[in-house]
C-alpha cells in the first residue's frame, strides 16, 4: 500500500480505506479481549491474596518530603547551594525518586515554596530569613452607643 494517492483511482482509494478500517476494527477487538483477560487475571490474583500486578514500578516512598530534606540541608549551610549541588546532596542523603529530571522536580519545590529564596548574585538557593513579627496596633476600645429610650404617649 505504498502507492501514491494521485496514482490511485477512486475505487482503489475506497478499497484501501475499507482495508484499513477492517484492520483497525480487528485491532480494537483484539485490544478489548486482552484488556478483559488482564482484568480477569488481576481479579484472580487479588482473590488468591496477592496484590495487583498492574503497578510493577511503584513510586518510591520517602520518610521525609523533599521540602523537609532541602530545609535540613540548607539549615546546615547558610551560604546555600546551586541547584546542581543541591540535587546531588538531596540524592546522596538517601532521597529516592523515579524522576528522569530530578533537577526540575527540585526546582519546582524551591520555586513554589515560601521557605526558600534564590540569591541571584551567588546563583544559590538559600533559606529565607525569618520575617520580623509585624507590630500590631491595639485598637482603641469603642463603646456601643445606647439607644435613647423613646417616650411613650399616654
N, C-alpha and C. Protein backbone atom coordinates (compact mmCIF):
# COMPACT_ATOMS: atom_id res chain seq x y z
N UNK A 1 0.82 -1.19 0.00
CA UNK A 1 0.00 0.00 0.00
C UNK A 1 0.87 1.25 0.00
N UNK A 2 1.96 1.19 -0.71
CA UNK A 2 2.83 2.34 -0.80
C UNK A 2 2.58 3.16 -2.05
N UNK A 3 1.49 2.87 -2.73
CA UNK A 3 1.16 3.61 -3.94
C UNK A 3 0.79 5.04 -3.57
N UNK A 4 1.29 5.97 -4.31
CA UNK A 4 0.99 7.37 -4.05
C UNK A 4 -0.48 7.64 -4.34
N UNK A 5 -1.08 8.53 -3.59
CA UNK A 5 -2.51 8.82 -3.71
C UNK A 5 -2.90 9.33 -5.09
N UNK A 6 -2.15 10.23 -5.71
CA UNK A 6 -2.60 10.72 -7.02
C UNK A 6 -2.68 9.63 -8.09
N UNK A 7 -1.95 8.53 -7.93
CA UNK A 7 -1.95 7.46 -8.92
C UNK A 7 -3.09 6.47 -8.69
N UNK A 8 -3.85 6.60 -7.60
CA UNK A 8 -4.91 5.66 -7.29
C UNK A 8 -6.24 6.19 -7.80
N UNK A 9 -7.06 5.26 -8.27
CA UNK A 9 -8.41 5.65 -8.71
C UNK A 9 -9.30 5.74 -7.48
N UNK A 10 -10.49 6.25 -7.68
CA UNK A 10 -11.43 6.40 -6.57
C UNK A 10 -11.79 5.03 -5.98
N UNK A 11 -12.01 4.04 -6.80
CA UNK A 11 -12.35 2.71 -6.29
C UNK A 11 -11.19 2.11 -5.52
N UNK A 12 -9.94 2.35 -5.97
CA UNK A 12 -8.78 1.84 -5.25
C UNK A 12 -8.64 2.54 -3.89
N UNK A 13 -8.92 3.84 -3.85
CA UNK A 13 -8.89 4.56 -2.58
C UNK A 13 -9.93 4.01 -1.61
N UNK A 14 -11.14 3.73 -2.13
CA UNK A 14 -12.20 3.18 -1.28
C UNK A 14 -11.80 1.80 -0.75
N UNK A 15 -11.17 0.98 -1.60
CA UNK A 15 -10.72 -0.34 -1.17
C UNK A 15 -9.65 -0.22 -0.09
N UNK A 16 -8.70 0.70 -0.29
CA UNK A 16 -7.63 0.89 0.70
C UNK A 16 -8.21 1.38 2.02
N UNK A 17 -9.15 2.31 1.94
CA UNK A 17 -9.78 2.81 3.15
C UNK A 17 -10.56 1.70 3.86
N UNK A 18 -11.27 0.87 3.11
CA UNK A 18 -12.01 -0.25 3.70
C UNK A 18 -11.08 -1.25 4.37
N UNK A 19 -9.93 -1.52 3.75
CA UNK A 19 -8.96 -2.46 4.32
C UNK A 19 -8.39 -1.91 5.63
N UNK A 20 -8.09 -0.62 5.65
CA UNK A 20 -7.57 -0.01 6.88
C UNK A 20 -8.61 -0.03 7.98
N UNK A 21 -9.87 0.20 7.62
CA UNK A 21 -10.95 0.20 8.61
C UNK A 21 -11.13 -1.19 9.20
N UNK A 22 -11.08 -2.23 8.33
CA UNK A 22 -11.21 -3.61 8.82
C UNK A 22 -10.04 -3.96 9.73
N UNK A 23 -8.84 -3.52 9.37
CA UNK A 23 -7.66 -3.78 10.19
C UNK A 23 -7.80 -3.09 11.55
N UNK A 24 -8.28 -1.85 11.56
CA UNK A 24 -8.49 -1.12 12.80
C UNK A 24 -9.54 -1.81 13.66
N UNK A 25 -10.64 -2.25 13.06
CA UNK A 25 -11.68 -2.95 13.81
C UNK A 25 -11.12 -4.22 14.46
N UNK A 26 -10.31 -4.96 13.71
CA UNK A 26 -9.71 -6.18 14.25
C UNK A 26 -8.78 -5.88 15.43
N UNK A 27 -7.98 -4.83 15.31
CA UNK A 27 -7.07 -4.47 16.39
C UNK A 27 -7.83 -4.01 17.63
N UNK A 28 -8.93 -3.27 17.44
CA UNK A 28 -9.73 -2.83 18.58
C UNK A 28 -10.38 -4.01 19.30
N UNK A 29 -10.85 -5.00 18.52
CA UNK A 29 -11.43 -6.20 19.15
C UNK A 29 -10.36 -6.96 19.93
N UNK A 30 -9.16 -7.08 19.34
CA UNK A 30 -8.06 -7.78 19.99
C UNK A 30 -7.67 -7.07 21.29
N UNK A 31 -7.61 -5.73 21.26
CA UNK A 31 -7.28 -4.98 22.47
C UNK A 31 -8.33 -5.18 23.55
N UNK A 32 -9.61 -5.14 23.17
CA UNK A 32 -10.68 -5.32 24.15
C UNK A 32 -10.57 -6.69 24.81
N UNK A 33 -10.24 -7.72 24.01
CA UNK A 33 -10.11 -9.07 24.56
C UNK A 33 -8.92 -9.13 25.53
N UNK A 34 -7.80 -8.52 25.16
CA UNK A 34 -6.63 -8.52 26.04
C UNK A 34 -6.90 -7.77 27.35
N UNK A 35 -7.61 -6.64 27.27
CA UNK A 35 -7.94 -5.89 28.48
C UNK A 35 -8.82 -6.74 29.39
N UNK A 36 -9.80 -7.43 28.81
CA UNK A 36 -10.68 -8.29 29.62
C UNK A 36 -9.88 -9.42 30.26
N UNK A 37 -8.99 -10.04 29.49
CA UNK A 37 -8.14 -11.11 30.05
C UNK A 37 -7.27 -10.58 31.19
N UNK A 38 -6.72 -9.39 31.04
CA UNK A 38 -5.88 -8.81 32.08
C UNK A 38 -6.70 -8.51 33.33
N UNK A 39 -7.91 -7.98 33.16
CA UNK A 39 -8.77 -7.71 34.30
C UNK A 39 -9.14 -9.00 35.03
N UNK A 40 -9.42 -10.07 34.27
CA UNK A 40 -9.73 -11.36 34.88
C UNK A 40 -8.53 -11.89 35.67
N UNK A 41 -7.33 -11.76 35.09
CA UNK A 41 -6.12 -12.22 35.76
C UNK A 41 -5.88 -11.43 37.04
N UNK A 42 -6.06 -10.10 36.99
CA UNK A 42 -5.91 -9.27 38.19
C UNK A 42 -6.90 -9.68 39.27
N UNK A 43 -8.13 -9.96 38.87
CA UNK A 43 -9.15 -10.39 39.84
C UNK A 43 -8.74 -11.70 40.50
N UNK A 44 -8.20 -12.64 39.73
CA UNK A 44 -7.76 -13.92 40.29
C UNK A 44 -6.59 -13.72 41.25
N UNK A 45 -5.66 -12.82 40.90
CA UNK A 45 -4.52 -12.54 41.77
C UNK A 45 -5.01 -11.96 43.10
N UNK A 46 -5.93 -11.02 43.04
CA UNK A 46 -6.47 -10.43 44.26
C UNK A 46 -7.24 -11.45 45.08
N UNK A 47 -7.95 -12.35 44.41
CA UNK A 47 -8.73 -13.39 45.08
C UNK A 47 -7.81 -14.32 45.88
N UNK A 48 -6.66 -14.62 45.31
CA UNK A 48 -5.70 -15.50 45.98
C UNK A 48 -5.05 -14.78 47.16
N UNK A 49 -5.01 -13.49 47.10
CA UNK A 49 -4.44 -12.73 48.21
C UNK A 49 -3.23 -11.92 47.83
N UNK A 50 -2.89 -11.91 46.58
CA UNK A 50 -1.76 -11.11 46.13
C UNK A 50 -2.21 -9.70 45.81
N UNK A 51 -1.25 -8.91 45.42
CA UNK A 51 -1.58 -7.55 45.01
C UNK A 51 -1.67 -7.52 43.50
N UNK A 52 -2.31 -6.52 42.99
CA UNK A 52 -2.48 -6.39 41.55
C UNK A 52 -1.12 -6.24 40.89
N UNK A 53 -0.96 -6.87 39.77
CA UNK A 53 0.32 -6.83 39.07
C UNK A 53 0.40 -5.62 38.13
N UNK A 54 -0.56 -4.74 38.17
CA UNK A 54 -0.59 -3.60 37.24
C UNK A 54 0.54 -2.62 37.51
N UNK A 55 0.83 -2.34 38.76
CA UNK A 55 1.83 -1.34 39.08
C UNK A 55 3.15 -2.03 39.40
N UNK A 56 3.94 -2.31 38.36
CA UNK A 56 5.19 -3.03 38.55
C UNK A 56 6.31 -2.11 39.01
N UNK A 57 6.18 -0.81 38.81
CA UNK A 57 7.17 0.16 39.25
C UNK A 57 6.51 1.18 40.16
N UNK A 58 6.31 0.84 41.42
CA UNK A 58 5.62 1.78 42.31
C UNK A 58 6.49 3.00 42.58
N UNK A 59 5.83 4.08 42.91
CA UNK A 59 6.54 5.33 43.22
C UNK A 59 7.30 5.13 44.52
N UNK A 60 8.58 5.54 44.56
CA UNK A 60 9.35 5.38 45.79
C UNK A 60 8.76 6.22 46.92
N UNK A 61 8.76 5.67 48.11
CA UNK A 61 8.26 6.40 49.30
C UNK A 61 9.46 6.82 50.14
N UNK A 62 9.42 8.04 50.59
CA UNK A 62 10.49 8.57 51.43
C UNK A 62 9.96 8.87 52.81
N UNK A 63 10.83 8.73 53.80
CA UNK A 63 10.44 9.03 55.17
C UNK A 63 10.15 10.52 55.34
N UNK A 64 10.90 11.36 54.60
CA UNK A 64 10.73 12.81 54.69
C UNK A 64 10.38 13.35 53.31
N UNK A 65 9.60 14.41 53.28
CA UNK A 65 9.26 15.03 52.00
C UNK A 65 10.48 15.76 51.44
N UNK A 66 10.42 16.08 50.17
CA UNK A 66 11.52 16.78 49.52
C UNK A 66 11.76 18.13 50.19
N UNK A 67 10.70 18.84 50.52
CA UNK A 67 10.84 20.14 51.17
C UNK A 67 11.56 20.05 52.51
N UNK A 68 11.26 19.00 53.28
CA UNK A 68 11.91 18.82 54.58
C UNK A 68 13.40 18.51 54.40
N UNK A 69 13.72 17.64 53.44
CA UNK A 69 15.12 17.29 53.19
C UNK A 69 15.91 18.53 52.76
N UNK A 70 15.34 19.32 51.86
CA UNK A 70 16.02 20.53 51.38
C UNK A 70 16.20 21.52 52.53
N UNK A 71 15.18 21.69 53.36
CA UNK A 71 15.28 22.60 54.50
C UNK A 71 16.40 22.17 55.44
N UNK A 72 16.50 20.87 55.71
CA UNK A 72 17.56 20.38 56.59
C UNK A 72 18.94 20.66 55.99
N UNK A 73 19.10 20.44 54.69
CA UNK A 73 20.39 20.68 54.05
C UNK A 73 20.75 22.17 54.06
N UNK A 74 19.77 23.02 53.77
CA UNK A 74 20.05 24.46 53.72
C UNK A 74 20.25 25.05 55.12
N UNK A 75 19.70 24.39 56.14
CA UNK A 75 19.91 24.85 57.51
C UNK A 75 21.37 24.65 57.91
N UNK A 76 21.97 23.58 57.41
CA UNK A 76 23.36 23.28 57.75
C UNK A 76 24.36 24.17 57.01
N UNK A 77 23.93 24.75 55.89
CA UNK A 77 24.85 25.58 55.09
C UNK A 77 24.15 26.89 54.75
N UNK A 78 24.49 27.92 55.49
CA UNK A 78 23.84 29.22 55.34
C UNK A 78 24.12 29.86 53.99
N UNK A 79 25.28 29.55 53.39
CA UNK A 79 25.62 30.17 52.11
C UNK A 79 24.80 29.60 50.95
N UNK A 80 24.12 28.50 51.17
CA UNK A 80 23.24 27.92 50.16
C UNK A 80 23.95 27.01 49.19
N UNK A 81 23.17 26.47 48.25
CA UNK A 81 23.69 25.56 47.23
C UNK A 81 23.15 25.97 45.86
N UNK A 82 23.93 25.68 44.83
CA UNK A 82 23.40 25.81 43.48
C UNK A 82 22.40 24.68 43.27
N UNK A 83 21.57 24.80 42.26
CA UNK A 83 20.57 23.77 42.00
C UNK A 83 21.23 22.41 41.77
N UNK A 84 22.29 22.40 41.00
CA UNK A 84 23.00 21.15 40.69
C UNK A 84 23.56 20.51 41.97
N UNK A 85 24.24 21.32 42.79
CA UNK A 85 24.83 20.80 44.02
C UNK A 85 23.75 20.33 45.00
N UNK A 86 22.66 21.09 45.07
CA UNK A 86 21.58 20.72 45.99
C UNK A 86 20.93 19.41 45.56
N UNK A 87 20.77 19.22 44.25
CA UNK A 87 20.20 17.96 43.75
C UNK A 87 21.10 16.79 44.13
N UNK A 88 22.40 16.96 43.97
CA UNK A 88 23.34 15.90 44.35
C UNK A 88 23.28 15.60 45.84
N UNK A 89 23.23 16.65 46.66
CA UNK A 89 23.16 16.48 48.12
C UNK A 89 21.88 15.76 48.53
N UNK A 90 20.76 16.14 47.93
CA UNK A 90 19.47 15.51 48.28
C UNK A 90 19.51 14.03 47.94
N UNK A 91 19.99 13.70 46.75
CA UNK A 91 20.05 12.29 46.34
C UNK A 91 21.06 11.51 47.17
N UNK A 92 22.18 12.14 47.53
CA UNK A 92 23.18 11.42 48.34
C UNK A 92 22.71 11.25 49.78
N UNK A 93 21.71 12.04 50.20
CA UNK A 93 21.18 11.88 51.56
C UNK A 93 20.24 10.68 51.67
N UNK A 94 19.97 10.04 50.53
CA UNK A 94 19.12 8.85 50.55
C UNK A 94 17.71 9.09 50.03
N UNK A 95 17.44 10.29 49.55
CA UNK A 95 16.11 10.58 49.00
C UNK A 95 15.93 9.78 47.71
N UNK A 96 14.81 9.07 47.61
CA UNK A 96 14.56 8.22 46.45
C UNK A 96 13.60 8.91 45.50
N UNK A 97 13.87 8.80 44.19
CA UNK A 97 13.00 9.37 43.18
C UNK A 97 13.03 8.50 41.94
N UNK A 98 11.93 8.53 41.21
CA UNK A 98 11.87 7.81 39.93
C UNK A 98 11.89 8.80 38.78
N UNK A 99 12.08 10.07 39.09
CA UNK A 99 12.04 11.12 38.08
C UNK A 99 13.25 11.03 37.16
N UNK A 100 13.01 11.23 35.88
CA UNK A 100 14.12 11.26 34.93
C UNK A 100 14.77 12.64 34.91
N UNK A 101 14.09 13.63 35.46
CA UNK A 101 14.63 15.00 35.53
C UNK A 101 14.44 15.53 36.94
N UNK A 102 15.22 15.00 37.87
CA UNK A 102 15.05 15.35 39.28
C UNK A 102 15.35 16.83 39.53
N UNK A 103 16.28 17.41 38.78
CA UNK A 103 16.59 18.83 39.00
C UNK A 103 15.36 19.70 38.76
N UNK A 104 14.52 19.33 37.80
CA UNK A 104 13.30 20.08 37.55
C UNK A 104 12.32 19.93 38.71
N UNK A 105 12.21 18.73 39.25
CA UNK A 105 11.34 18.50 40.41
C UNK A 105 11.82 19.34 41.59
N UNK A 106 13.11 19.34 41.81
CA UNK A 106 13.70 20.12 42.90
C UNK A 106 13.47 21.62 42.68
N UNK A 107 13.66 22.07 41.45
CA UNK A 107 13.44 23.49 41.15
C UNK A 107 11.99 23.88 41.44
N UNK A 108 11.05 23.04 41.06
CA UNK A 108 9.63 23.34 41.31
C UNK A 108 9.37 23.41 42.81
N UNK A 109 9.99 22.54 43.57
CA UNK A 109 9.85 22.57 45.03
C UNK A 109 10.37 23.88 45.60
N UNK A 110 11.53 24.31 45.12
CA UNK A 110 12.14 25.55 45.60
C UNK A 110 11.32 26.77 45.17
N UNK A 111 10.89 26.77 43.92
CA UNK A 111 10.19 27.92 43.35
C UNK A 111 8.81 28.13 43.98
N UNK A 112 8.12 27.04 44.26
CA UNK A 112 6.74 27.13 44.74
C UNK A 112 6.62 27.18 46.26
N UNK A 113 7.73 27.31 46.95
CA UNK A 113 7.70 27.36 48.40
C UNK A 113 8.11 28.75 48.88
N UNK A 114 7.48 29.19 49.94
CA UNK A 114 7.83 30.47 50.53
C UNK A 114 9.01 30.35 51.50
N UNK A 115 9.49 29.14 51.71
CA UNK A 115 10.57 28.90 52.66
C UNK A 115 11.95 29.21 52.08
N UNK A 116 12.07 29.15 50.75
CA UNK A 116 13.37 29.29 50.10
C UNK A 116 13.43 30.55 49.26
N UNK A 117 14.67 31.02 49.04
CA UNK A 117 14.87 32.17 48.17
C UNK A 117 16.08 31.92 47.28
N UNK A 118 16.11 32.57 46.13
CA UNK A 118 17.22 32.44 45.20
C UNK A 118 18.07 33.69 45.27
N UNK A 119 19.36 33.53 45.47
CA UNK A 119 20.29 34.64 45.50
C UNK A 119 20.91 34.77 44.12
N UNK A 120 20.53 35.80 43.38
CA UNK A 120 21.00 35.97 42.01
C UNK A 120 22.49 36.25 41.94
N UNK A 121 23.04 36.94 42.93
CA UNK A 121 24.47 37.27 42.91
C UNK A 121 25.32 36.02 42.95
N UNK A 122 25.00 35.10 43.86
CA UNK A 122 25.83 33.90 44.02
C UNK A 122 25.26 32.71 43.24
N UNK A 123 24.03 32.83 42.74
CA UNK A 123 23.42 31.73 41.99
C UNK A 123 23.04 30.56 42.86
N UNK A 124 22.76 30.84 44.14
CA UNK A 124 22.45 29.76 45.07
C UNK A 124 21.04 29.90 45.64
N UNK A 125 20.54 28.79 46.11
CA UNK A 125 19.25 28.75 46.80
C UNK A 125 19.53 28.71 48.30
N UNK A 126 18.80 29.53 49.06
CA UNK A 126 19.01 29.62 50.50
C UNK A 126 17.67 29.59 51.21
N UNK A 127 17.75 29.41 52.52
CA UNK A 127 16.54 29.55 53.33
C UNK A 127 16.24 31.04 53.48
N UNK A 128 14.98 31.38 53.46
CA UNK A 128 14.60 32.77 53.70
C UNK A 128 14.82 33.08 55.16
N UNK A 129 15.25 34.30 55.42
CA UNK A 129 15.40 34.73 56.80
C UNK A 129 14.01 34.87 57.40
N UNK A 130 13.85 34.47 58.65
CA UNK A 130 12.53 34.59 59.25
C UNK A 130 12.11 36.05 59.28
N UNK A 131 10.90 36.30 58.86
CA UNK A 131 10.39 37.67 58.82
C UNK A 131 10.11 38.15 60.23
N UNK A 132 10.38 39.42 60.45
CA UNK A 132 10.11 40.01 61.76
C UNK A 132 8.61 40.07 61.96
N UNK A 133 8.22 39.86 63.18
CA UNK A 133 6.79 39.91 63.51
C UNK A 133 6.27 41.33 63.28
N UNK A 134 5.21 41.47 62.51
CA UNK A 134 4.68 42.81 62.31
C UNK A 134 4.09 43.35 63.60
N UNK A 135 4.35 44.63 63.83
CA UNK A 135 3.83 45.24 65.05
C UNK A 135 2.33 45.42 64.88
N UNK A 136 1.62 45.02 65.88
CA UNK A 136 0.17 45.18 65.84
C UNK A 136 -0.20 46.38 66.67
N UNK A 137 -1.07 47.17 66.14
CA UNK A 137 -1.54 48.35 66.86
C UNK A 137 -2.83 47.97 67.54
N UNK A 138 -2.84 48.17 68.83
CA UNK A 138 -4.04 47.84 69.59
C UNK A 138 -5.14 48.82 69.21
N UNK A 139 -6.30 48.27 68.96
CA UNK A 139 -7.44 49.12 68.63
C UNK A 139 -7.95 49.80 69.89
N UNK A 140 -8.34 51.01 69.67
CA UNK A 140 -8.93 51.75 70.79
C UNK A 140 -10.30 51.17 71.07
N UNK A 141 -10.54 50.92 72.33
CA UNK A 141 -11.82 50.34 72.71
C UNK A 141 -12.94 51.33 72.39
N UNK A 142 -13.93 50.84 71.73
CA UNK A 142 -15.07 51.71 71.41
C UNK A 142 -16.26 51.25 72.22
N UNK A 143 -17.06 52.21 72.56
CA UNK A 143 -18.25 51.90 73.34
C UNK A 143 -19.44 51.86 72.41
N UNK A 144 -20.30 50.95 72.70
CA UNK A 144 -21.53 50.88 71.92
C UNK A 144 -22.42 52.04 72.31
N UNK A 145 -23.01 52.61 71.28
CA UNK A 145 -23.95 53.69 71.56
C UNK A 145 -25.25 53.09 72.04
N UNK A 146 -25.77 53.72 73.08
CA UNK A 146 -27.03 53.23 73.63
C UNK A 146 -28.17 53.97 72.96
N UNK A 147 -29.20 53.25 72.72
CA UNK A 147 -30.39 53.91 72.17
C UNK A 147 -31.08 54.69 73.27
N UNK A 148 -31.54 55.83 72.86
CA UNK A 148 -32.28 56.65 73.83
C UNK A 148 -33.65 56.04 73.99
N UNK A 149 -34.11 56.01 75.21
CA UNK A 149 -35.46 55.45 75.41
C UNK A 149 -36.49 56.38 74.76
N UNK A 150 -37.46 55.76 74.13
CA UNK A 150 -38.50 56.55 73.47
C UNK A 150 -39.59 56.88 74.50
N UNK A 151 -40.13 58.04 74.34
CA UNK A 151 -41.19 58.45 75.26
C UNK A 151 -42.49 57.84 74.76
N UNK A 152 -43.16 57.22 75.66
CA UNK A 152 -44.44 56.62 75.28
C UNK A 152 -45.56 57.65 75.47
N UNK A 153 -46.47 57.69 74.56
CA UNK A 153 -47.60 58.63 74.65
C UNK A 153 -48.75 57.94 75.33
N UNK A 154 -49.31 58.66 76.29
CA UNK A 154 -50.44 58.10 77.01
C UNK A 154 -51.66 58.88 76.78
